[in-house]
Amino acid sequence: MPTEILMPALSPTMEEGTLAKWLVKEGDTVSAGDLLAEIETDKATMEFEAVDEGTLGKILIAAGTEGVKVNTPIAVLLADDESADDIGAAAPTPTKAPEIETGDKSAPAGGSAPTASPPPPAAADGTRIFASPLARRIAADKGLDLAQITGSGPRGRIVRADVENATAAPAPKSAGSAATPAAPAPMPAGPDAGAVAKIYADRDYSEIPLDGMRKTIAARLTEAKQTIPHFYLRRDIRLDALLDFRAKLNRQLEHRGVKLSVNDFIIKACALALQQVPKANAVWAGDRILQLKTSDVAVAVAIEGGLFTPVLRDAETKTLSHLSAEMKDLATRARDRKLAPHEYQGGSFAVSNLGMFGIDNFDAVINPPHGAILAVGAGVKKPVVTDEGTIEAATVMSVTLSVDHRVIDGALGAELLQAIKDNLENPLAMLA
């Protein structure tokens, strides 16, 4: 029986997407792992691969179609003994749209989403077991043997429902395994669109439809402010030593084409502070707190129509020049919407810097499930009182640490912010 190919969920927050381009045409033979189409999500353009083999019998959604809901049929796949006439003769059998694994750390840094499927499982006698990528992942998480599960999908293929309903005892999870993140909050309803439009009926205006990114930002930030008990800690940080040290380093690194920014030092200072105050290197996971071992620092990057927060993983182990190069690459690809999901998901801490826009200070909203975010203002010249009681001019930067009180208490947050301040005011020690 013909099999429907469904619009996949290519990221945890994806509800709909744009079918940007078909990479195959009707009548083409496809195998599991072949690229079928390019799909634009709320965050990036990603490639979608086949999970079954057969012939592409009919394309249901044309290239360029926007607002295609997840799990909507987009094409029909025919088996070897089927023809296009079978599409009308019987209703296609839908299969669950595959969930794309986004945590593949082996993906190339410059690529888009990982597209290679894991090796198909096999039974003890060597017979291949047909199962969707999501079914294989759930089975692995639950410690289930796919050879013992009967598939209910087309041609006996094991799908998500089969492994979720399996009764075998799950394997115990390791202490470091992460809890499944909560589903994103639904799009906030807000005031009635018609009622608001009526208020401005006598004024000239243009209506701007919400794209996927803006809807996601609205939903996640509403969720953050409604569900996360924020509190705020503020400090002034002297930058004179850092600016002098940065100038010397940039002169020495000029022949290598490296130019460090103040933001590179801030990222490094935060990464080291999370190691110095390890209890603050944590995220909220619904019914528990996950304390991370490494410092994975997200950095807010403004793009047209929204923002990304690419994550610099293991930032505490990387040199300033490495962090600088990686941040430039991530920011460039973020603006082109070319980041893979694993490059902007995760992390325990974020940095949002509006100092380059002349903002003295502000309060940032925590990006769940992060435990905290540092809002960074501009460095400005101010009179300060020295330890000797004299007054001198200094470059001072105001920062605000927004903290999730469920994860980090006041004293712990103050300790973390003090460590960030100490690192920035003593930049040479960050290289020790």
Protein backbone atom coordinates (compact mmCIF):
# COMPACT_ATOMS: atom_id res chain seq x y z
CA MET A 1 0.00 0.00 0.00
CA PRO A 2 1.36 3.49 -0.80
CA THR A 3 3.06 5.24 2.12
CA GLU A 4 2.65 8.91 2.94
CA ILE A 5 5.79 10.93 3.66
CA LEU A 6 4.93 13.43 6.39
CA MET A 7 6.30 16.89 7.15
CA PRO A 8 8.97 16.17 9.79
CA ALA A 9 9.61 17.98 13.07
CA LEU A 10 13.19 19.08 12.51
CA SER A 11 13.53 20.85 15.86
CA PRO A 12 11.79 20.60 19.23
CA THR A 13 9.99 23.93 18.69
CA MET A 14 8.93 23.37 15.10
CA GLU A 15 5.18 23.41 14.47
CA GLU A 16 5.23 24.27 10.78
CA GLY A 17 7.80 24.97 8.09
CA THR A 18 8.37 25.95 4.48
CA LEU A 19 9.02 23.22 1.93
CA ALA A 20 11.76 25.20 0.22
CA LYS A 21 12.97 22.76 -2.42
CA TRP A 22 12.46 19.19 -3.59
CA LEU A 23 15.72 17.33 -4.24
CA VAL A 24 13.93 14.45 -6.02
CA LYS A 25 11.12 14.31 -8.57
CA GLU A 26 8.16 12.05 -9.15
CA GLY A 27 9.27 8.67 -10.45
CA ASP A 28 12.69 8.78 -8.78
CA THR A 29 13.82 5.74 -6.81
CA VAL A 30 14.90 6.57 -3.27
CA SER A 31 16.63 4.58 -0.54
CA ALA A 32 16.74 5.10 3.21
CA GLY A 33 19.13 7.99 3.88
CA ASP A 34 18.65 9.70 0.50
CA LEU A 35 17.95 13.44 0.68
CA LEU A 36 14.39 14.27 -0.30
CA ALA A 37 13.91 17.99 0.30
CA GLU A 38 15.15 21.19 1.90
CA ILE A 39 12.85 22.48 4.64
CA GLU A 40 12.99 25.91 6.28
CA THR A 41 12.17 25.84 10.00
CA ASP A 42 11.77 28.75 12.39
CA LYS A 43 15.56 28.71 12.85
CA ALA A 44 17.33 27.24 9.84
CA THR A 45 17.17 25.55 6.44
CA MET A 46 17.70 21.81 6.86
CA GLU A 47 17.84 18.74 4.65
CA PHE A 48 15.22 16.01 5.08
CA GLU A 49 16.13 12.40 4.32
CA ALA A 50 14.12 9.31 3.47
CA VAL A 51 13.63 6.59 6.08
CA ASP A 52 12.10 4.06 3.66
CA GLU A 53 12.99 2.85 0.19
CA GLY A 54 10.72 2.92 -2.83
CA THR A 55 9.65 5.16 -5.70
CA LEU A 56 8.41 8.70 -5.23
CA GLY A 57 4.92 8.30 -6.64
CA LYS A 58 3.46 11.76 -6.09
CA ILE A 59 4.48 15.11 -4.63
CA LEU A 60 1.59 16.52 -2.59
CA ILE A 61 3.15 19.82 -1.45
CA ALA A 62 4.87 21.97 -4.04
CA ALA A 63 8.27 23.55 -3.49
CA GLY A 64 8.02 27.01 -1.96
CA THR A 65 4.87 26.26 0.04
CA GLU A 66 4.91 28.06 3.40
CA GLY A 67 3.18 27.17 6.66
CA VAL A 68 3.14 23.40 6.16
CA LYS A 69 2.13 21.86 9.50
CA VAL A 70 4.20 19.08 11.04
CA ASN A 71 2.80 15.62 10.15
CA THR A 72 1.07 16.95 7.02
CA PRO A 73 1.47 14.51 4.07
CA ILE A 74 3.93 16.03 1.59
CA ALA A 75 4.50 13.11 -0.80
CA VAL A 76 3.60 9.49 -1.46
CA LEU A 77 6.14 6.66 -1.61
CA LEU A 78 5.41 3.53 -3.64
CA ALA A 79 6.77 0.03 -3.04
CA ASP A 80 8.39 -1.98 -5.83
CA ASP A 81 5.14 -3.72 -6.77
CA GLU A 82 3.05 -0.53 -6.74
CA SER A 83 2.34 2.11 -9.38
CA ALA A 84 0.91 5.61 -9.49
CA ASP A 85 -2.53 4.05 -10.12
CA ASP A 86 -2.44 2.60 -6.60
CA ILE A 87 -2.40 6.10 -5.08
CA GLY A 88 -5.99 6.72 -6.10
CA ALA A 89 -7.11 3.14 -5.59
CA ALA A 90 -6.39 3.10 -1.86
CA ALA A 91 -5.80 5.64 0.85
CA PRO A 92 -2.09 5.93 1.57
CA THR A 93 -0.83 4.54 4.85
CA PRO A 94 0.61 7.43 6.88
CA THR A 95 3.84 6.93 8.76
CA LYS A 96 4.97 9.02 11.70
CA ALA A 97 7.18 11.88 10.57
CA PRO A 98 10.70 11.13 11.77
CA GLU A 99 12.20 13.21 14.53
CA ILE A 100 15.67 14.34 13.53
CA GLU A 101 18.41 13.62 16.04
CA THR A 102 20.00 17.00 16.78
CA GLY A 103 22.67 16.10 19.27
CA ASP A 104 25.19 14.57 16.87
CA LYS A 105 28.48 16.09 17.93
CA SER A 106 30.21 14.55 14.94
CA ALA A 107 28.45 16.93 12.55
CA PRO A 108 30.89 19.20 10.69
CA ALA A 109 31.17 22.68 12.19
CA GLY A 110 30.41 24.35 8.88
CA GLY A 111 27.51 22.12 7.83
CA SER A 112 23.80 22.32 8.26
CA ALA A 113 21.78 19.69 10.05
CA PRO A 114 23.28 16.23 10.40
CA THR A 115 21.79 14.05 7.67
CA ALA A 116 23.49 10.67 8.03
CA SER A 117 21.27 8.02 9.60
CA PRO A 118 22.68 5.70 12.24
CA PRO A 119 23.39 2.14 11.04
CA PRO A 120 20.17 0.10 10.84
CA PRO A 121 19.84 -2.46 13.63
CA ALA A 122 19.98 -6.16 12.86
CA ALA A 123 18.61 -9.26 14.55
CA ALA A 124 20.87 -11.93 16.00
CA ASP A 125 20.68 -13.89 12.72
CA GLY A 126 21.85 -10.87 10.74
CA THR A 127 18.42 -10.00 9.34
CA ARG A 128 17.92 -6.26 9.03
CA ILE A 129 15.32 -4.75 11.34
CA PHE A 130 13.34 -1.91 9.77
CA ALA A 131 12.70 0.88 12.28
CA SER A 132 12.38 4.64 12.16
CA PRO A 133 15.28 6.73 13.57
CA LEU A 134 13.03 7.96 16.40
CA ALA A 135 11.95 4.40 17.25
CA ARG A 136 15.60 3.30 17.38
CA ARG A 137 16.48 6.17 19.70
CA ILE A 138 13.56 5.57 22.07
CA ALA A 139 14.36 1.84 22.14
CA ALA A 140 17.97 2.62 23.05
CA ASP A 141 16.85 4.99 25.82
CA LYS A 142 14.49 2.35 27.25
CA GLY A 143 16.94 -0.51 26.84
CA LEU A 144 14.64 -2.43 24.47
CA ASP A 145 15.71 -5.06 21.94
CA LEU A 146 14.15 -4.13 18.59
CA ALA A 147 14.31 -7.79 17.53
CA GLN A 148 11.67 -8.54 20.17
CA ILE A 149 9.24 -5.85 18.95
CA THR A 150 6.64 -6.36 16.22
CA GLY A 151 6.36 -3.38 13.90
CA SER A 152 2.97 -1.93 12.98
CA GLY A 153 4.22 0.36 10.22
CA PRO A 154 4.35 -0.31 6.48
CA ARG A 155 5.96 -3.67 5.67
CA GLY A 156 6.39 -4.37 9.38
CA ARG A 157 8.48 -1.27 10.06
CA ILE A 158 8.86 -0.45 13.76
CA VAL A 159 7.57 3.02 14.55
CA ARG A 160 7.48 5.21 17.65
CA ALA A 161 4.19 3.81 19.01
CA ASP A 162 5.56 0.26 18.92
CA VAL A 163 8.52 0.99 21.20
CA GLU A 164 6.53 3.31 23.46
CA ASN A 165 3.99 0.53 24.06
CA ALA A 166 6.62 -2.18 24.55
CA THR A 167 6.57 -3.72 28.03
CA ALA A 168 10.23 -4.75 28.38
CA ALA A 169 11.94 -3.33 31.45
CA PRO A 170 13.87 -0.15 30.61
CA ALA A 171 17.60 -0.03 31.15
CA PRO A 172 18.64 2.14 34.12
CA LYS A 173 19.67 5.63 33.08
CA SER A 174 23.10 6.95 33.89
CA ALA A 175 23.38 9.70 36.45
CA GLY A 176 24.47 12.15 33.79
CA SER A 177 21.65 11.52 31.34
CA ALA A 178 19.52 14.57 30.70
CA ALA A 179 15.78 14.64 31.33
CA THR A 180 13.53 15.15 28.34
CA PRO A 181 12.95 18.90 27.97
CA ALA A 182 9.43 20.14 28.49
CA ALA A 183 7.44 21.00 25.38
CA PRO A 184 7.53 24.69 24.50
CA ALA A 185 4.64 26.81 25.71
CA PRO A 186 1.87 27.40 23.18
CA MET A 187 1.77 30.69 21.33
CA PRO A 188 0.30 33.25 23.77
CA ALA A 189 -3.15 34.35 22.74
CA GLY A 190 -2.85 37.97 23.86
CA PRO A 191 -5.50 40.51 22.93
CA ASP A 192 -7.93 39.69 20.12
CA ALA A 193 -6.39 40.74 16.78
CA GLY A 194 -9.70 42.07 15.49
CA ALA A 195 -10.29 44.17 18.61
CA VAL A 196 -6.81 45.71 18.39
CA ALA A 197 -7.20 46.43 14.67
CA LYS A 198 -10.51 48.17 15.39
CA ILE A 199 -8.76 50.59 17.77
CA TYR A 200 -6.44 51.68 14.96
CA ALA A 201 -9.02 51.56 12.18
CA ASP A 202 -8.67 55.30 11.52
CA ARG A 203 -4.83 55.20 11.41
CA ASP A 204 -2.49 54.19 8.60
CA TYR A 205 -0.50 51.05 9.35
CA SER A 206 0.99 48.03 7.64
CA GLU A 207 0.30 44.53 8.93
CA ILE A 208 3.33 42.27 9.41
CA PRO A 209 2.49 38.55 9.65
CA LEU A 210 4.40 36.58 12.28
CA ASP A 211 6.94 34.15 10.85
CA GLY A 212 7.96 30.95 12.61
CA MET A 213 10.91 32.55 14.39
CA ARG A 214 8.89 35.44 15.83
CA LYS A 215 6.15 33.04 17.00
CA THR A 216 8.76 30.87 18.73
CA ILE A 217 10.42 33.87 20.39
CA ALA A 218 7.04 35.14 21.63
CA ALA A 219 6.07 31.73 23.02
CA ARG A 220 9.41 31.00 24.71
CA LEU A 221 9.82 34.43 26.30
CA THR A 222 6.23 34.41 27.53
CA GLU A 223 6.92 30.98 29.01
CA ALA A 224 10.13 32.30 30.59
CA LYS A 225 8.54 35.32 32.26
CA GLN A 226 5.46 33.38 33.40
CA THR A 227 7.19 30.28 34.75
CA ILE A 228 10.72 31.31 35.78
CA PRO A 229 11.08 33.21 39.08
CA HIS A 230 13.69 35.74 37.97
CA PHE A 231 15.80 37.78 40.35
CA TYR A 232 18.53 40.22 39.38
CA LEU A 233 22.05 40.95 40.62
CA ARG A 234 24.00 43.99 39.44
CA ARG A 235 27.69 44.86 39.54
CA ASP A 236 30.02 47.46 38.04
CA ILE A 237 33.24 46.04 36.57
CA ARG A 238 36.40 48.02 35.87
CA LEU A 239 37.74 47.28 32.40
CA ASP A 240 41.02 49.24 32.37
CA ALA A 241 43.28 46.22 32.94
CA LEU A 242 41.32 44.14 30.44
CA LEU A 243 41.45 46.84 27.74
CA ASP A 244 45.22 47.25 28.17
CA PHE A 245 45.76 43.49 28.11
CA ARG A 246 43.52 43.09 25.05
CA ALA A 247 45.42 45.79 23.17
CA LYS A 248 48.75 44.04 23.85
CA LEU A 249 47.41 40.65 22.81
CA ASN A 250 45.89 42.01 19.61
CA ARG A 251 49.22 43.59 18.64
CA GLN A 252 50.95 40.25 19.16
CA LEU A 253 48.24 38.31 17.31
CA GLU A 254 47.91 40.72 14.41
CA HIS A 255 50.20 38.66 12.15
CA ARG A 256 47.83 35.69 12.63
CA GLY A 257 44.80 37.74 11.62
CA VAL A 258 43.29 37.43 15.11
CA LYS A 259 41.51 40.34 16.78
CA LEU A 260 40.01 39.65 20.18
CA SER A 261 36.88 41.51 21.27
CA VAL A 262 35.81 42.41 24.79
CA ASN A 263 32.97 39.93 24.31
CA ASP A 264 35.52 37.11 23.84
CA PHE A 265 36.93 37.92 27.29
CA ILE A 266 33.41 38.04 28.77
CA ILE A 267 32.61 34.58 27.38
CA LYS A 268 35.86 33.18 28.78
CA ALA A 269 35.29 34.86 32.16
CA CYS A 270 31.79 33.36 32.42
CA ALA A 271 32.99 29.90 31.38
CA LEU A 272 35.71 29.91 34.04
CA ALA A 273 33.32 31.30 36.67
CA LEU A 274 30.97 28.35 36.07
CA GLN A 275 33.91 26.07 36.90
CA GLN A 276 34.85 28.13 39.95
CA VAL A 277 31.25 28.04 41.21
CA PRO A 278 30.13 24.62 39.91
CA LYS A 279 26.79 24.58 41.76
CA ALA A 280 25.70 27.51 39.58
CA ASN A 281 26.49 25.59 36.38
CA ALA A 282 23.02 24.08 36.32
CA VAL A 283 19.71 23.97 34.45
CA TRP A 284 16.10 23.42 35.50
CA ALA A 285 14.69 20.08 34.28
CA GLY A 286 11.11 20.12 35.57
CA ASP A 287 11.36 17.77 38.52
CA ARG A 288 15.13 18.01 39.05
CA ILE A 289 18.21 20.16 38.57
CA LEU A 290 20.93 19.06 36.16
CA GLN A 291 24.40 20.22 37.21
CA LEU A 292 26.72 20.33 34.20
CA LYS A 293 30.40 19.42 34.33
CA THR A 294 31.51 21.54 31.37
CA SER A 295 30.88 25.22 30.66
CA ASP A 296 28.59 25.49 27.64
CA VAL A 297 27.95 29.21 27.19
CA ALA A 298 25.24 30.52 24.85
CA VAL A 299 25.66 33.97 23.29
CA ALA A 300 22.73 36.01 21.96
CA VAL A 301 23.18 37.02 18.31
CA ALA A 302 20.76 39.49 16.73
CA ILE A 303 19.58 38.62 13.24
CA GLU A 304 16.94 40.11 10.99
CA GLY A 305 13.56 39.34 12.50
CA GLY A 306 14.79 37.76 15.70
CA LEU A 307 17.81 36.26 17.43
CA PHE A 308 19.80 33.08 17.89
CA THR A 309 21.73 31.87 20.93
CA PRO A 310 24.52 29.67 19.51
CA VAL A 311 26.33 27.65 22.17
CA LEU A 312 30.09 27.58 22.69
CA ARG A 313 30.62 24.13 24.17
CA ASP A 314 33.50 23.36 26.56
CA ALA A 315 34.30 27.09 26.58
CA GLU A 316 36.43 26.79 29.71
CA THR A 317 38.99 24.65 27.84
CA LYS A 318 39.35 26.87 24.76
CA THR A 319 41.82 29.69 24.19
CA LEU A 320 40.60 33.23 23.62
CA SER A 321 41.62 33.05 19.95
CA HIS A 322 39.72 29.76 19.56
CA LEU A 323 36.61 31.23 21.21
CA SER A 324 36.89 34.33 19.03
CA ALA A 325 37.10 32.34 15.79
CA GLU A 326 34.29 29.98 16.79
CA MET A 327 32.03 32.85 17.85
CA LYS A 328 32.60 34.69 14.55
CA ASP A 329 31.75 31.54 12.61
CA LEU A 330 28.60 30.83 14.63
CA ALA A 331 27.43 34.45 14.41
CA THR A 332 27.94 34.54 10.64
CA ARG A 333 26.02 31.31 10.08
CA ALA A 334 23.33 32.41 12.54
CA ARG A 335 22.67 35.51 10.45
CA ASP A 336 22.46 33.30 7.36
CA ARG A 337 20.17 30.86 9.27
CA LYS A 338 22.61 28.04 8.59
CA LEU A 339 23.07 26.74 12.13
CA ALA A 340 22.26 23.12 12.88
CA PRO A 341 19.95 22.63 15.90
CA HIS A 342 22.70 21.14 18.08
CA GLU A 343 24.62 24.40 17.64
CA TYR A 344 21.95 26.57 19.27
CA GLN A 345 20.42 24.14 21.77
CA GLY A 346 21.73 23.36 25.22
CA GLY A 347 24.08 25.28 27.46
CA SER A 348 23.49 26.28 31.07
CA PHE A 349 24.29 29.99 30.88
CA ALA A 350 23.92 32.81 28.35
CA VAL A 351 25.47 36.18 27.59
CA SER A 352 23.54 39.06 26.02
CA ASN A 353 25.69 42.08 25.16
CA LEU A 354 24.05 45.35 24.10
CA GLY A 355 27.05 47.47 25.02
CA MET A 356 27.96 48.00 21.36
CA PHE A 357 24.60 49.75 20.96
CA GLY A 358 25.41 52.22 23.73
CA ILE A 359 23.10 50.63 26.31
CA ASP A 360 24.43 51.28 29.82
CA ASN A 361 22.51 48.47 31.53
CA PHE A 362 19.44 46.28 31.08
CA ASP A 363 17.78 43.13 32.40
CA ALA A 364 17.81 40.06 30.14
CA VAL A 365 15.17 37.32 30.10
CA ILE A 366 16.42 33.82 30.92
CA ASN A 367 16.30 31.38 28.01
CA PRO A 368 14.89 28.14 29.50
CA PRO A 369 16.21 25.75 30.67
CA HIS A 370 19.27 27.92 31.45
CA GLY A 371 19.92 28.82 35.07
CA ALA A 372 21.11 32.38 34.40
CA ILE A 373 21.92 35.00 31.77
CA LEU A 374 24.37 37.92 31.96
CA ALA A 375 23.23 41.23 30.48
CA VAL A 376 26.25 43.31 29.49
CA GLY A 377 26.19 47.08 29.08
CA ALA A 378 28.66 49.51 27.52
CA GLY A 379 32.01 50.38 29.05
CA VAL A 380 31.95 54.10 29.87
CA LYS A 381 34.36 56.49 31.52
CA LYS A 382 33.38 57.26 35.12
CA PRO A 383 35.02 58.76 38.21
CA VAL A 384 35.80 56.03 40.74
CA VAL A 385 37.20 56.05 44.25
CA THR A 386 40.36 53.95 44.58
CA ASP A 387 41.33 51.84 47.56
CA GLU A 388 43.59 54.70 48.63
CA GLY A 389 40.64 57.10 48.72
CA THR A 390 41.61 59.09 45.63
CA ILE A 391 39.34 59.75 42.68
CA GLU A 392 40.39 58.74 39.20
CA ALA A 393 38.79 58.16 35.80
CA ALA A 394 38.13 54.54 34.88
CA THR A 395 36.28 52.57 32.22
CA VAL A 396 33.38 50.87 33.96
CA MET A 397 30.96 48.30 32.56
CA SER A 398 27.62 47.61 34.22
CA VAL A 399 26.33 44.01 34.16
CA THR A 400 23.12 42.40 35.40
CA LEU A 401 22.85 38.70 36.18
CA SER A 402 19.29 37.38 35.73
CA VAL A 403 18.94 34.23 37.81
CA ASP A 404 16.39 31.42 37.97
CA HIS A 405 15.66 31.19 41.71
CA ARG A 406 14.60 27.55 41.35
CA VAL A 407 18.16 26.67 40.35
CA ILE A 408 20.38 29.30 41.97
CA ASP A 409 19.76 31.04 45.29
CA GLY A 410 20.80 34.62 46.03
CA ALA A 411 24.11 33.90 47.76
CA LEU A 412 25.15 31.42 45.07
CA GLY A 413 24.25 33.89 42.32
CA ALA A 414 26.28 36.59 44.09
CA GLU A 415 29.25 34.21 44.28
CA LEU A 416 28.98 33.49 40.55
CA LEU A 417 28.81 37.19 39.65
CA GLN A 418 31.80 37.92 41.90
CA ALA A 419 33.80 35.24 40.08
CA ILE A 420 32.88 36.80 36.71
CA LYS A 421 33.94 40.23 37.99
CA ASP A 422 37.25 38.91 39.36
CA ASN A 423 38.06 37.19 36.07
CA LEU A 424 37.38 40.31 34.01
CA GLU A 425 39.29 42.63 36.32
CA ASN A 426 42.27 40.24 36.38
CA PRO A 427 42.36 39.06 32.74
CA LEU A 428 45.91 37.66 32.87
CA ALA A 429 44.77 35.08 35.43
CA MET A 430 42.28 33.68 32.88
CA LEU A 431 45.23 32.39 30.87
CA ALA A 432 46.82 30.57 33.80
